[in-house]
Structure formats: C-alpha cells, structure tokens
Amino acid sequence: MTGEHYDIEGLAVPRDMEQLHDLLERASTEHPHIPASDVMMFETAVMELANNVVEHGRPVGQVAWRFSLEVSADSLTARLADSGEEYAGWDAAASHDMPGEMAESGRGLPLASAVLDELDYQRDGASNVWTMVRRWQA
C-alpha cells in the first residue's frame, strides 16, 4: 500500500509522546515492506524532534501539535506542526554539528539530521512545521 496517511493531534506534553510512539509502531506493523532499520532510524528522529517540542515549547503545557505520517513504497514522510513560539535557533542549528562531549544538550537536531534524508523547519503563520523524510531502496 502506498500513500497511506496516519494523523494524531494533542498537546506537547510527555503523556502524548506515547501516542506518537504507538502511531509509529502501528504504521510499521501495517507496512511490513519498510526495512526495520529504516523504521528505527525514522522513529529516533521523530521522537527526538517531538521531545524537543515537549521540552522547549512555550507556553509550557499549552502547545498543541499535529503529527501526520505518509507511508509510501520507498519512504516515510512526517510533518510535525506545533503552536509554540517560533524556533529561533534553526539557522544556527542548520549546520547540524554534534556538540562536544561535555555538552549537556543540543544533540537532538544533529541526531535527527544524521538519520534522515531530509529535515526541514519552517514557520508557517503561527505554527512551527518540521518535515522529516527517510527513504530506502524499494
């Protein structure tokens, strides 16, 4: 099956991270053609970015999010949109360099970038929109 969509909405709070994990698990179960290593890498990136929204989204506990996933014959494409304040660090983070060993934060975007074929951030009106793509050989 190609072009199947999965969607969830909620608040960017820790308890909704489990719903996101469940959606990714359901999609991979329903699409056994997706290589397990690609599912794992994609899920790592999605959860890193979603956790950043939960941890850094402002106002805390009030940031709404929408996650949509499209499964095709050779890729996973996700869009995570949130109502939080604009992420001002994208230009600086665009290099996606991993911070030094002693850094206590800043690994999420470089890790996501390393395991995705595409990672993009845009501010669309009042929303932050993260687009993530992982491809494999069909």
Protein backbone atom coordinates (compact mmCIF):
# COMPACT_ATOMS: atom_id res chain seq x y z
CA MET A 1 0.00 0.00 0.00
CA THR A 2 1.38 3.39 -0.87
CA GLY A 3 0.37 6.85 0.17
CA GLU A 4 -1.34 5.78 3.40
CA HIS A 5 -1.72 8.55 5.98
CA TYR A 6 -1.70 8.49 9.77
CA ASP A 7 -2.53 11.52 11.92
CA ILE A 8 -2.73 12.46 15.58
CA GLU A 9 -3.28 15.71 17.46
CA GLY A 10 -2.71 16.60 21.06
CA LEU A 11 -0.70 18.69 23.44
CA ALA A 12 3.08 18.71 23.51
CA VAL A 13 3.24 17.02 26.91
CA PRO A 14 5.03 13.83 27.97
CA ARG A 15 1.91 11.64 28.08
CA ASP A 16 1.17 12.33 24.40
CA MET A 17 4.63 11.07 23.40
CA GLU A 18 3.30 7.53 23.97
CA GLN A 19 0.51 8.14 21.43
CA LEU A 20 3.12 9.22 18.92
CA HIS A 21 5.19 6.11 19.58
CA ASP A 22 2.07 3.93 19.20
CA LEU A 23 1.20 5.56 15.86
CA LEU A 24 4.69 4.85 14.50
CA GLU A 25 4.54 1.27 15.72
CA ARG A 26 1.13 0.73 14.13
CA ALA A 27 2.31 2.16 10.80
CA SER A 28 5.37 -0.09 10.71
CA THR A 29 3.27 -3.16 11.62
CA GLU A 30 0.75 -2.39 8.88
CA HIS A 31 3.57 -1.89 6.33
CA PRO A 32 5.99 -4.81 6.67
CA HIS A 33 7.76 -3.73 3.45
CA ILE A 34 9.53 -0.99 5.42
CA PRO A 35 13.01 -2.17 6.43
CA ALA A 36 13.29 -2.44 10.22
CA SER A 37 16.47 -0.35 10.30
CA ASP A 38 14.70 2.49 8.47
CA VAL A 39 11.77 2.35 10.87
CA MET A 40 14.17 2.55 13.82
CA MET A 41 16.11 5.48 12.39
CA PHE A 42 12.95 7.36 11.43
CA GLU A 43 11.37 6.80 14.84
CA THR A 44 14.55 8.03 16.53
CA ALA A 45 14.40 11.28 14.56
CA VAL A 46 10.67 11.80 15.11
CA MET A 47 10.89 11.18 18.85
CA GLU A 48 13.92 13.49 19.19
CA LEU A 49 12.10 16.34 17.48
CA ALA A 50 8.83 15.72 19.30
CA ASN A 51 10.68 15.59 22.62
CA ASN A 52 12.26 18.97 21.79
CA VAL A 53 8.77 20.43 21.31
CA VAL A 54 7.64 18.92 24.63
CA GLU A 55 10.74 20.11 26.48
CA HIS A 56 11.23 23.55 24.91
CA GLY A 57 7.79 24.51 23.55
CA ARG A 58 6.36 27.68 25.03
CA PRO A 59 3.99 28.31 26.70
CA VAL A 60 4.70 25.12 28.64
CA GLY A 61 1.81 22.64 28.68
CA GLN A 62 -0.22 24.71 26.22
CA VAL A 63 1.49 23.92 22.93
CA ALA A 64 -0.82 21.99 20.62
CA TRP A 65 0.68 19.73 17.97
CA ARG A 66 -0.37 17.77 14.92
CA PHE A 67 1.63 14.88 13.56
CA SER A 68 0.99 13.40 10.15
CA LEU A 69 2.79 10.48 8.58
CA GLU A 70 2.68 9.29 4.99
CA VAL A 71 3.92 5.80 4.16
CA SER A 72 4.83 5.19 0.53
CA ALA A 73 6.55 2.35 -1.31
CA ASP A 74 10.02 3.78 -0.66
CA SER A 75 9.79 6.44 2.06
CA LEU A 76 8.34 7.70 5.29
CA THR A 77 7.41 11.39 5.38
CA ALA A 78 6.29 13.09 8.56
CA ARG A 79 5.14 16.56 9.37
CA LEU A 80 5.12 17.80 12.96
CA ALA A 81 3.38 21.14 13.41
CA ASP A 82 3.13 22.91 16.75
CA SER A 83 1.60 26.13 18.06
CA GLY A 84 4.60 27.08 20.19
CA GLU A 85 6.74 30.15 19.92
CA GLU A 86 8.94 30.39 16.83
CA TYR A 87 12.11 28.31 16.97
CA ALA A 88 14.80 30.95 16.56
CA GLY A 89 17.73 28.53 16.56
CA TRP A 90 17.21 26.86 13.17
CA ASP A 91 19.76 28.98 11.29
CA ALA A 92 22.41 28.26 13.92
CA ALA A 93 21.40 24.59 14.11
CA ALA A 94 21.29 24.18 10.34
CA SER A 95 24.90 23.01 10.34
CA HIS A 96 23.67 20.05 12.42
CA ASP A 97 27.05 19.66 14.09
CA MET A 98 27.08 17.38 17.10
CA PRO A 99 28.01 19.31 20.27
CA GLY A 100 31.14 18.42 22.20
CA GLU A 101 31.31 15.51 24.63
CA MET A 102 30.77 17.73 27.66
CA ALA A 103 27.64 19.44 26.27
CA GLU A 104 24.50 18.58 28.22
CA SER A 105 22.09 19.33 25.38
CA GLY A 106 21.93 20.07 21.67
CA ARG A 107 22.14 16.54 20.27
CA GLY A 108 18.54 16.13 19.07
CA LEU A 109 18.72 18.05 15.77
CA PRO A 110 22.14 16.71 14.74
CA LEU A 111 20.99 13.17 15.51
CA ALA A 112 17.72 13.61 13.58
CA SER A 113 19.58 15.15 10.66
CA ALA A 114 22.07 12.26 10.59
CA VAL A 115 19.38 9.58 10.26
CA LEU A 116 17.02 11.39 7.87
CA ASP A 117 17.34 12.07 4.17
CA GLU A 118 15.58 15.40 4.63
CA LEU A 119 14.94 17.58 7.66
CA ASP A 120 13.34 20.99 7.29
CA TYR A 121 11.93 23.64 9.60
CA GLN A 122 9.57 26.43 8.54
CA ARG A 123 7.48 28.95 10.41
CA ASP A 124 4.04 28.87 8.80
CA GLY A 125 1.85 31.60 10.26
CA ALA A 126 1.53 30.77 13.95
CA SER A 127 2.98 27.26 13.60
CA ASN A 128 6.38 25.65 13.67
CA VAL A 129 6.47 22.96 10.98
CA TRP A 130 9.09 20.20 10.94
CA THR A 131 9.25 17.97 7.86
CA MET A 132 11.15 14.67 8.04
CA VAL A 133 11.84 12.18 5.24
CA ARG A 134 13.53 8.76 5.36
CA ARG A 135 13.94 6.82 2.08
CA TRP A 136 15.05 3.25 1.35
CA GLN A 137 15.50 1.06 -1.71
CA ALA A 138 12.11 -0.32 -2.76
